[in-house]
Amino acid sequence: MKCYIISYDLRHGGNYTALINAIKGYGTWARITESTWAVVTQQTAIQVANNLLISMDGNDRLFVIKSGGEAAFRGIICEESWLQKHIPNNSNY
């Protein structure tokens, strides 16, 4: 399983509920900041992006990247234990 970081901008009051439900549909997920999430899946980054784009407007922005295994953070929304489990080698400031 791979961990992907998802960041988005819904530019004109997009459908947050549909996008968030699509992200949560992965089952193993964490909300890191207001518009940054992490999901664990066997899919590729392109497959994750294509799945999420269904819930987005054409002018919205989306970034999906496979976690490289190193992270640093402060003031995150999710539990630190989630990040420690799915993104090893991380540091909390």
PDB file of N, CA and C in Angstrom:
ATOM      1  N   MET A   1       0.843  -1.180   0.000  1.00  0.00           N
ATOM      2  CA  MET A   1       0.000   0.000   0.000  1.00  0.00           C
ATOM      3  C   MET A   1       0.890   1.245   0.000  1.00  0.00           C
ATOM      4  N   LYS A   2       0.420   2.271  -0.674  1.00  0.00           N
ATOM      5  CA  LYS A   2       1.159   3.524  -0.773  1.00  0.00           C
ATOM      6  C   LYS A   2       0.362   4.635  -0.107  1.00  0.00           C
ATOM      7  N   CYS A   3       1.076   5.587   0.440  1.00  0.00           N
ATOM      8  CA  CYS A   3       0.435   6.755   1.036  1.00  0.00           C
ATOM      9  C   CYS A   3       0.597   7.931   0.076  1.00  0.00           C
ATOM     10  N   TYR A   4      -0.515   8.575  -0.257  1.00  0.00           N
ATOM     11  CA  TYR A   4      -0.508   9.741  -1.138  1.00  0.00           C
ATOM     12  C   TYR A   4      -0.947  10.974  -0.373  1.00  0.00           C
ATOM     13  N   ILE A   5      -0.309  12.082  -0.659  1.00  0.00           N
ATOM     14  CA  ILE A   5      -0.691  13.371  -0.111  1.00  0.00           C
ATOM     15  C   ILE A   5      -1.533  14.069  -1.168  1.00  0.00           C
ATOM     16  N   ILE A   6      -2.677  14.579  -0.750  1.00  0.00           N
ATOM     17  CA  ILE A   6      -3.623  15.250  -1.641  1.00  0.00           C
ATOM     18  C   ILE A   6      -3.784  16.688  -1.158  1.00  0.00           C
ATOM     19  N   SER A   7      -3.626  17.625  -2.077  1.00  0.00           N
ATOM     20  CA  SER A   7      -3.866  19.032  -1.775  1.00  0.00           C
ATOM     21  C   SER A   7      -4.781  19.594  -2.861  1.00  0.00           C
ATOM     22  N   TYR A   8      -5.715  20.433  -2.468  1.00  0.00           N
ATOM     23  CA  TYR A   8      -6.658  20.962  -3.449  1.00  0.00           C
ATOM     24  C   TYR A   8      -7.060  22.391  -3.116  1.00  0.00           C
ATOM     25  N   ASP A   9      -7.525  23.087  -4.131  1.00  0.00           N
ATOM     26  CA  ASP A   9      -8.172  24.398  -4.003  1.00  0.00           C
ATOM     27  C   ASP A   9      -9.478  24.326  -4.784  1.00  0.00           C
ATOM     28  N   LEU A  10     -10.586  24.459  -4.096  1.00  0.00           N
ATOM     29  CA  LEU A  10     -11.879  24.569  -4.777  1.00  0.00           C
ATOM     30  C   LEU A  10     -12.123  26.055  -4.937  1.00  0.00           C
ATOM     31  N   ARG A  11     -12.029  26.543  -6.152  1.00  0.00           N
ATOM     32  CA  ARG A  11     -11.886  27.962  -6.408  1.00  0.00           C
ATOM     33  C   ARG A  11     -13.157  28.780  -6.333  1.00  0.00           C
ATOM     34  N   HIS A  12     -14.278  28.263  -6.693  1.00  0.00           N
ATOM     35  CA  HIS A  12     -15.508  29.059  -6.706  1.00  0.00           C
ATOM     36  C   HIS A  12     -16.604  28.372  -5.906  1.00  0.00           C
ATOM     37  N   GLY A  13     -16.308  28.098  -4.636  1.00  0.00           N
ATOM     38  CA  GLY A  13     -17.313  27.484  -3.769  1.00  0.00           C
ATOM     39  C   GLY A  13     -17.693  26.096  -4.197  1.00  0.00           C
ATOM     40  N   GLY A  14     -16.724  25.310  -4.606  1.00  0.00           N
ATOM     41  CA  GLY A  14     -16.973  23.958  -5.097  1.00  0.00           C
ATOM     42  C   GLY A  14     -17.659  23.065  -4.075  1.00  0.00           C
ATOM     43  N   ASN A  15     -17.893  21.850  -4.474  1.00  0.00           N
ATOM     44  CA  ASN A  15     -18.623  20.893  -3.660  1.00  0.00           C
ATOM     45  C   ASN A  15     -17.667  20.161  -2.718  1.00  0.00           C
ATOM     46  N   TYR A  16     -17.409  20.779  -1.568  1.00  0.00           N
ATOM     47  CA  TYR A  16     -16.504  20.182  -0.588  1.00  0.00           C
ATOM     48  C   TYR A  16     -17.006  18.823  -0.107  1.00  0.00           C
ATOM     49  N   THR A  17     -18.296  18.699   0.094  1.00  0.00           N
ATOM     50  CA  THR A  17     -18.852  17.450   0.609  1.00  0.00           C
ATOM     51  C   THR A  17     -18.553  16.286  -0.328  1.00  0.00           C
ATOM     52  N   ALA A  18     -18.764  16.471  -1.610  1.00  0.00           N
ATOM     53  CA  ALA A  18     -18.510  15.391  -2.573  1.00  0.00           C
ATOM     54  C   ALA A  18     -17.031  15.034  -2.617  1.00  0.00           C
ATOM     55  N   LEU A  19     -16.161  16.032  -2.600  1.00  0.00           N
ATOM     56  CA  LEU A  19     -14.728  15.761  -2.652  1.00  0.00           C
ATOM     57  C   LEU A  19     -14.260  15.065  -1.374  1.00  0.00           C
ATOM     58  N   ILE A  20     -14.685  15.546  -0.240  1.00  0.00           N
ATOM     59  CA  ILE A  20     -14.294  14.935   1.031  1.00  0.00           C
ATOM     60  C   ILE A  20     -14.809  13.501   1.123  1.00  0.00           C
ATOM     61  N   ASN A  21     -16.015  13.260   0.669  1.00  0.00           N
ATOM     62  CA  ASN A  21     -16.548  11.893   0.658  1.00  0.00           C
ATOM     63  C   ASN A  21     -15.725  10.986  -0.256  1.00  0.00           C
ATOM     64  N   ALA A  22     -15.265  11.528  -1.387  1.00  0.00           N
ATOM     65  CA  ALA A  22     -14.426  10.738  -2.295  1.00  0.00           C
ATOM     66  C   ALA A  22     -13.098  10.395  -1.627  1.00  0.00           C
ATOM     67  N   ILE A  23     -12.522  11.350  -0.911  1.00  0.00           N
ATOM     68  CA  ILE A  23     -11.271  11.089  -0.194  1.00  0.00           C
ATOM     69  C   ILE A  23     -11.493  10.051   0.895  1.00  0.00           C
ATOM     70  N   LYS A  24     -12.537  10.227   1.676  1.00  0.00           N
ATOM     71  CA  LYS A  24     -12.829   9.284   2.756  1.00  0.00           C
ATOM     72  C   LYS A  24     -13.179   7.897   2.225  1.00  0.00           C
ATOM     73  N   GLY A  25     -13.598   7.824   0.976  1.00  0.00           N
ATOM     74  CA  GLY A  25     -13.916   6.550   0.355  1.00  0.00           C
ATOM     75  C   GLY A  25     -12.725   5.605   0.272  1.00  0.00           C
ATOM     76  N   TYR A  26     -11.532   6.141   0.423  1.00  0.00           N
ATOM     77  CA  TYR A  26     -10.345   5.278   0.420  1.00  0.00           C
ATOM     78  C   TYR A  26     -10.221   4.451   1.688  1.00  0.00           C
ATOM     79  N   GLY A  27     -10.983   4.794   2.709  1.00  0.00           N
ATOM     80  CA  GLY A  27     -10.997   3.993   3.929  1.00  0.00           C
ATOM     81  C   GLY A  27      -9.910   4.372   4.913  1.00  0.00           C
ATOM     82  N   THR A  28      -8.668   4.394   4.471  1.00  0.00           N
ATOM     83  CA  THR A  28      -7.558   4.787   5.325  1.00  0.00           C
ATOM     84  C   THR A  28      -7.134   6.184   4.896  1.00  0.00           C
ATOM     85  N   TRP A  29      -7.505   7.171   5.685  1.00  0.00           N
ATOM     86  CA  TRP A  29      -7.266   8.569   5.329  1.00  0.00           C
ATOM     87  C   TRP A  29      -7.017   9.388   6.594  1.00  0.00           C
ATOM     88  N   ALA A  30      -6.426  10.555   6.394  1.00  0.00           N
ATOM     89  CA  ALA A  30      -6.242  11.522   7.480  1.00  0.00           C
ATOM     90  C   ALA A  30      -6.317  12.917   6.892  1.00  0.00           C
ATOM     91  N   ARG A  31      -6.953  13.813   7.624  1.00  0.00           N
ATOM     92  CA  ARG A  31      -6.988  15.218   7.223  1.00  0.00           C
ATOM     93  C   ARG A  31      -5.826  15.904   7.923  1.00  0.00           C
ATOM     94  N   ILE A  32      -4.873  16.388   7.147  1.00  0.00           N
ATOM     95  CA  ILE A  32      -3.656  16.965   7.708  1.00  0.00           C
ATOM     96  C   ILE A  32      -3.837  18.453   7.974  1.00  0.00           C
ATOM     97  N   THR A  33      -4.364  19.184   6.993  1.00  0.00           N
ATOM     98  CA  THR A  33      -4.746  20.586   7.166  1.00  0.00           C
ATOM     99  C   THR A  33      -6.107  20.754   6.501  1.00  0.00           C
ATOM    100  N   GLU A  34      -6.609  21.956   6.447  1.00  0.00           N
ATOM    101  CA  GLU A  34      -7.953  22.174   5.902  1.00  0.00           C
ATOM    102  C   GLU A  34      -8.122  21.620   4.488  1.00  0.00           C
ATOM    103  N   SER A  35      -7.109  21.739   3.650  1.00  0.00           N
ATOM    104  CA  SER A  35      -7.251  21.243   2.276  1.00  0.00           C
ATOM    105  C   SER A  35      -6.104  20.312   1.881  1.00  0.00           C
ATOM    106  N   THR A  36      -5.518  19.650   2.868  1.00  0.00           N
ATOM    107  CA  THR A  36      -4.476  18.657   2.605  1.00  0.00           C
ATOM    108  C   THR A  36      -4.828  17.377   3.352  1.00  0.00           C
ATOM    109  N   TRP A  37      -4.832  16.290   2.620  1.00  0.00           N
ATOM    110  CA  TRP A  37      -5.201  14.986   3.165  1.00  0.00           C
ATOM    111  C   TRP A  37      -4.139  13.963   2.805  1.00  0.00           C
ATOM    112  N   ALA A  38      -4.185  12.831   3.461  1.00  0.00           N
ATOM    113  CA  ALA A  38      -3.377  11.678   3.088  1.00  0.00           C
ATOM    114  C   ALA A  38      -4.304  10.478   2.985  1.00  0.00           C
ATOM    115  N   VAL A  39      -4.067   9.648   1.985  1.00  0.00           N
ATOM    116  CA  VAL A  39      -4.830   8.411   1.829  1.00  0.00           C
ATOM    117  C   VAL A  39      -3.848   7.272   1.598  1.00  0.00           C
ATOM    118  N   VAL A  40      -4.248   6.075   1.984  1.00  0.00           N
ATOM    119  CA  VAL A  40      -3.453   4.873   1.749  1.00  0.00           C
ATOM    120  C   VAL A  40      -4.242   3.999   0.796  1.00  0.00           C
ATOM    121  N   THR A  41      -3.600   3.607  -0.304  1.00  0.00           N
ATOM    122  CA  THR A  41      -4.277   2.838  -1.340  1.00  0.00           C
ATOM    123  C   THR A  41      -3.261   2.090  -2.193  1.00  0.00           C
ATOM    124  N   GLN A  42      -3.744   1.156  -2.971  1.00  0.00           N
ATOM    125  CA  GLN A  42      -2.900   0.471  -3.955  1.00  0.00           C
ATOM    126  C   GLN A  42      -2.941   1.179  -5.296  1.00  0.00           C
ATOM    127  N   GLN A  43      -3.795   2.180  -5.449  1.00  0.00           N
ATOM    128  CA  GLN A  43      -3.912   2.901  -6.710  1.00  0.00           C
ATOM    129  C   GLN A  43      -2.657   3.727  -6.997  1.00  0.00           C
ATOM    130  N   THR A  44      -2.533   4.168  -8.240  1.00  0.00           N
ATOM    131  CA  THR A  44      -1.468   5.088  -8.622  1.00  0.00           C
ATOM    132  C   THR A  44      -1.929   6.521  -8.357  1.00  0.00           C
ATOM    133  N   ALA A  45      -1.004   7.463  -8.418  1.00  0.00           N
ATOM    134  CA  ALA A  45      -1.353   8.872  -8.238  1.00  0.00           C
ATOM    135  C   ALA A  45      -2.366   9.312  -9.294  1.00  0.00           C
ATOM    136  N   ILE A  46      -2.196   8.854 -10.522  1.00  0.00           N
ATOM    137  CA  ILE A  46      -3.131   9.218 -11.600  1.00  0.00           C
ATOM    138  C   ILE A  46      -4.520   8.668 -11.313  1.00  0.00           C
ATOM    139  N   GLN A  47      -4.601   7.449 -10.818  1.00  0.00           N
ATOM    140  CA  GLN A  47      -5.899   6.868 -10.493  1.00  0.00           C
ATOM    141  C   GLN A  47      -6.574   7.634  -9.355  1.00  0.00           C
ATOM    142  N   VAL A  48      -5.803   8.008  -8.336  1.00  0.00           N
ATOM    143  CA  VAL A  48      -6.363   8.794  -7.237  1.00  0.00           C
ATOM    144  C   VAL A  48      -6.870  10.132  -7.779  1.00  0.00           C
ATOM    145  N   ALA A  49      -6.052  10.811  -8.569  1.00  0.00           N
ATOM    146  CA  ALA A  49      -6.448  12.110  -9.123  1.00  0.00           C
ATOM    147  C   ALA A  49      -7.709  11.974  -9.970  1.00  0.00           C
ATOM    148  N   ASN A  50      -7.743  10.998 -10.853  1.00  0.00           N
ATOM    149  CA  ASN A  50      -8.927  10.813 -11.704  1.00  0.00           C
ATOM    150  C   ASN A  50     -10.177  10.556 -10.877  1.00  0.00           C
ATOM    151  N   ASN A  51     -10.046   9.800  -9.803  1.00  0.00           N
ATOM    152  CA  ASN A  51     -11.175   9.526  -8.927  1.00  0.00           C
ATOM    153  C   ASN A  51     -11.685  10.810  -8.271  1.00  0.00           C
ATOM    154  N   LEU A  52     -10.764  11.653  -7.818  1.00  0.00           N
ATOM    155  CA  LEU A  52     -11.160  12.878  -7.125  1.00  0.00           C
ATOM    156  C   LEU A  52     -11.678  13.940  -8.091  1.00  0.00           C
ATOM    157  N   LEU A  53     -11.134  13.982  -9.295  1.00  0.00           N
ATOM    158  CA  LEU A  53     -11.549  15.000 -10.269  1.00  0.00           C
ATOM    159  C   LEU A  53     -13.024  14.891 -10.624  1.00  0.00           C
ATOM    160  N   ILE A  54     -13.598  13.723 -10.460  1.00  0.00           N
ATOM    161  CA  ILE A  54     -15.026  13.537 -10.726  1.00  0.00           C
ATOM    162  C   ILE A  54     -15.853  14.466  -9.835  1.00  0.00           C
ATOM    163  N   SER A  55     -15.369  14.754  -8.639  1.00  0.00           N
ATOM    164  CA  SER A  55     -16.090  15.582  -7.664  1.00  0.00           C
ATOM    165  C   SER A  55     -15.684  17.048  -7.714  1.00  0.00           C
ATOM    166  N   MET A  56     -14.887  17.425  -8.707  1.00  0.00           N
ATOM    167  CA  MET A  56     -14.357  18.784  -8.760  1.00  0.00           C
ATOM    168  C   MET A  56     -14.792  19.494 -10.037  1.00  0.00           C
ATOM    169  N   ASP A  57     -14.736  20.825  -9.993  1.00  0.00           N
ATOM    170  CA  ASP A  57     -15.024  21.641 -11.169  1.00  0.00           C
ATOM    171  C   ASP A  57     -13.759  21.792 -12.013  1.00  0.00           C
ATOM    172  N   GLY A  58     -13.924  22.168 -13.254  1.00  0.00           N
ATOM    173  CA  GLY A  58     -12.801  22.294 -14.178  1.00  0.00           C
ATOM    174  C   GLY A  58     -11.777  23.347 -13.785  1.00  0.00           C
ATOM    175  N   ASN A  59     -12.162  24.332 -12.993  1.00  0.00           N
ATOM    176  CA  ASN A  59     -11.226  25.389 -12.610  1.00  0.00           C
ATOM    177  C   ASN A  59     -10.596  25.153 -11.228  1.00  0.00           C
ATOM    178  N   ASP A  60     -10.922  24.042 -10.575  1.00  0.00           N
ATOM    179  CA  ASP A  60     -10.336  23.715  -9.283  1.00  0.00           C
ATOM    180  C   ASP A  60      -8.904  23.215  -9.478  1.00  0.00           C
ATOM    181  N   ARG A  61      -8.151  23.210  -8.391  1.00  0.00           N
ATOM    182  CA  ARG A  61      -6.773  22.744  -8.440  1.00  0.00           C
ATOM    183  C   ARG A  61      -6.619  21.476  -7.603  1.00  0.00           C
ATOM    184  N   LEU A  62      -5.771  20.565  -8.084  1.00  0.00           N
ATOM    185  CA  LEU A  62      -5.552  19.302  -7.392  1.00  0.00           C
ATOM    186  C   LEU A  62      -4.091  18.898  -7.530  1.00  0.00           C
ATOM    187  N   PHE A  63      -3.509  18.421  -6.434  1.00  0.00           N
ATOM    188  CA  PHE A  63      -2.137  17.920  -6.423  1.00  0.00           C
ATOM    189  C   PHE A  63      -2.132  16.613  -5.643  1.00  0.00           C
ATOM    190  N   VAL A  64      -1.661  15.537  -6.266  1.00  0.00           N
ATOM    191  CA  VAL A  64      -1.565  14.226  -5.631  1.00  0.00           C
ATOM    192  C   VAL A  64      -0.134  13.745  -5.803  1.00  0.00           C
ATOM    193  N   ILE A  65       0.521  13.398  -4.689  1.00  0.00           N
ATOM    194  CA  ILE A  65       1.895  12.936  -4.765  1.00  0.00           C
ATOM    195  C   ILE A  65       2.094  11.777  -3.798  1.00  0.00           C
ATOM    196  N   LYS A  66       2.878  10.787  -4.230  1.00  0.00           N
ATOM    197  CA  LYS A  66       3.200   9.655  -3.365  1.00  0.00           C
ATOM    198  C   LYS A  66       4.166  10.137  -2.295  1.00  0.00           C
ATOM    199  N   SER A  67       3.880   9.798  -1.067  1.00  0.00           N
ATOM    200  CA  SER A  67       4.741  10.195   0.043  1.00  0.00           C
ATOM    201  C   SER A  67       6.113   9.564  -0.111  1.00  0.00           C
ATOM    202  N   GLY A  68       7.125  10.377   0.104  1.00  0.00           N
ATOM    203  CA  GLY A  68       8.487   9.885   0.010  1.00  0.00           C
ATOM    204  C   GLY A  68       8.997   9.277   1.302  1.00  0.00           C
ATOM    205  N   GLY A  69       8.190   9.313   2.350  1.00  0.00           N
ATOM    206  CA  GLY A  69       8.581   8.671   3.587  1.00  0.00           C
ATOM    207  C   GLY A  69       9.238   9.574   4.604  1.00  0.00           C
ATOM    208  N   GLU A  70       9.375  10.853   4.313  1.00  0.00           N
ATOM    209  CA  GLU A  70       9.930  11.787   5.287  1.00  0.00           C
ATOM    210  C   GLU A  70       8.994  12.972   5.381  1.00  0.00           C
ATOM    211  N   ALA A  71       8.721  13.416   6.610  1.00  0.00           N
ATOM    212  CA  ALA A  71       7.792  14.527   6.796  1.00  0.00           C
ATOM    213  C   ALA A  71       8.164  15.329   8.030  1.00  0.00           C
ATOM    214  N   ALA A  72       7.812  16.590   8.015  1.00  0.00           N
ATOM    215  CA  ALA A  72       7.920  17.454   9.187  1.00  0.00           C
ATOM    216  C   ALA A  72       6.618  18.229   9.268  1.00  0.00           C
ATOM    217  N   PHE A  73       6.128  18.466  10.481  1.00  0.00           N
ATOM    218  CA  PHE A  73       4.823  19.103  10.607  1.00  0.00           C
ATOM    219  C   PHE A  73       4.678  19.815  11.930  1.00  0.00           C
ATOM    220  N   ARG A  74       3.677  20.701  11.942  1.00  0.00           N
ATOM    221  CA  ARG A  74       3.309  21.428  13.157  1.00  0.00           C
ATOM    222  C   ARG A  74       1.851  21.849  13.026  1.00  0.00           C
ATOM    223  N   GLY A  75       1.100  21.678  14.069  1.00  0.00           N
ATOM    224  CA  GLY A  75      -0.280  22.144  14.089  1.00  0.00           C
ATOM    225  C   GLY A  75      -1.206  21.404  13.138  1.00  0.00           C
ATOM    226  N   ILE A  76      -0.973  20.134  12.959  1.00  0.00           N
ATOM    227  CA  ILE A  76      -1.805  19.356  12.039  1.00  0.00           C
ATOM    228  C   ILE A  76      -3.142  19.002  12.683  1.00  0.00           C
ATOM    229  N   ILE A  77      -4.108  18.657  11.849  1.00  0.00           N
ATOM    230  CA  ILE A  77      -5.440  18.293  12.320  1.00  0.00           C
ATOM    231  C   ILE A  77      -5.496  16.823  12.734  1.00  0.00           C
ATOM    232  N   CYS A  78      -4.850  15.951  11.972  1.00  0.00           N
ATOM    233  CA  CYS A  78      -4.958  14.511  12.237  1.00  0.00           C
ATOM    234  C   CYS A  78      -4.101  14.113  13.436  1.00  0.00           C
ATOM    235  N   GLU A  79      -4.298  12.899  13.883  1.00  0.00           N
ATOM    236  CA  GLU A  79      -3.519  12.352  14.981  1.00  0.00           C
ATOM    237  C   GLU A  79      -2.083  12.101  14.507  1.00  0.00           C
ATOM    238  N   GLU A  80      -1.125  12.476  15.311  1.00  0.00           N
ATOM    239  CA  GLU A  80       0.269  12.234  14.964  1.00  0.00           C
ATOM    240  C   GLU A  80       0.545  10.749  14.779  1.00  0.00           C
ATOM    241  N   SER A  81      -0.142   9.907  15.522  1.00  0.00           N
ATOM    242  CA  SER A  81       0.067   8.468  15.417  1.00  0.00           C
ATOM    243  C   SER A  81      -0.272   7.958  14.014  1.00  0.00           C
ATOM    244  N   TRP A  82      -1.250   8.583  13.344  1.00  0.00           N
ATOM    245  CA  TRP A  82      -1.593   8.184  11.982  1.00  0.00           C
ATOM    246  C   TRP A  82      -0.403   8.442  11.067  1.00  0.00           C
ATOM    247  N   LEU A  83       0.184   9.628  11.175  1.00  0.00           N
ATOM    248  CA  LEU A  83       1.340   9.952  10.342  1.00  0.00           C
ATOM    249  C   LEU A  83       2.529   9.054  10.672  1.00  0.00           C
ATOM    250  N   GLN A  84       2.732   8.770  11.938  1.00  0.00           N
ATOM    251  CA  GLN A  84       3.838   7.902  12.324  1.00  0.00           C
ATOM    252  C   GLN A  84       3.681   6.508  11.738  1.00  0.00           C
ATOM    253  N   LYS A  85       2.461   6.051  11.626  1.00  0.00           N
ATOM    254  CA  LYS A  85       2.204   4.726  11.065  1.00  0.00           C
ATOM    255  C   LYS A  85       2.378   4.706   9.555  1.00  0.00           C
ATOM    256  N   HIS A  86       1.866   5.727   8.863  1.00  0.00           N
ATOM    257  CA  HIS A  86       1.818   5.693   7.400  1.00  0.00           C
ATOM    258  C   HIS A  86       2.910   6.504   6.718  1.00  0.00           C
ATOM    259  N   ILE A  87       3.560   7.409   7.429  1.00  0.00           N
ATOM    260  CA  ILE A  87       4.673   8.180   6.887  1.00  0.00           C
ATOM    261  C   ILE A  87       5.803   8.119   7.908  1.00  0.00           C
ATOM    262  N   PRO A  88       6.630   7.093   7.826  1.00  0.00           N
ATOM    263  CA  PRO A  88       7.707   6.964   8.802  1.00  0.00           C
ATOM    264  C   PRO A  88       8.727   8.096   8.647  1.00  0.00           C
ATOM    265  N   ASN A  89       9.605   8.215   9.600  1.00  0.00           N
ATOM    266  CA  ASN A  89      10.656   9.234   9.574  1.00  0.00           C
ATOM    267  C   ASN A  89      10.077  10.632   9.544  1.00  0.00           C
ATOM    268  N   ASN A  90       9.189  10.933  10.478  1.00  0.00           N
ATOM    269  CA  ASN A  90       8.599  12.264  10.509  1.00  0.00           C
ATOM    270  C   ASN A  90       8.961  12.961  11.813  1.00  0.00           C
ATOM    271  N   SER A  91       8.839  14.267  11.799  1.00  0.00           N
ATOM    272  CA  SER A  91       9.196  15.080  12.966  1.00  0.00           C
ATOM    273  C   SER A  91       8.110  16.088  13.244  1.00  0.00           C
ATOM    274  N   ASN A  92       7.779  16.225  14.509  1.00  0.00           N
ATOM    275  CA  ASN A  92       6.815  17.226  14.950  1.00  0.00           C
ATOM    276  C   ASN A  92       7.589  18.370  15.576  1.00  0.00           C
ATOM    277  N   TYR A  93       7.277  19.585  15.163  1.00  0.00           N
ATOM    278  CA  TYR A  93       7.954  20.754  15.719  1.00  0.00           C
ATOM    279  C   TYR A  93       7.132  21.293  16.845  1.00  0.00           C
TER     280      TYR A  93
END
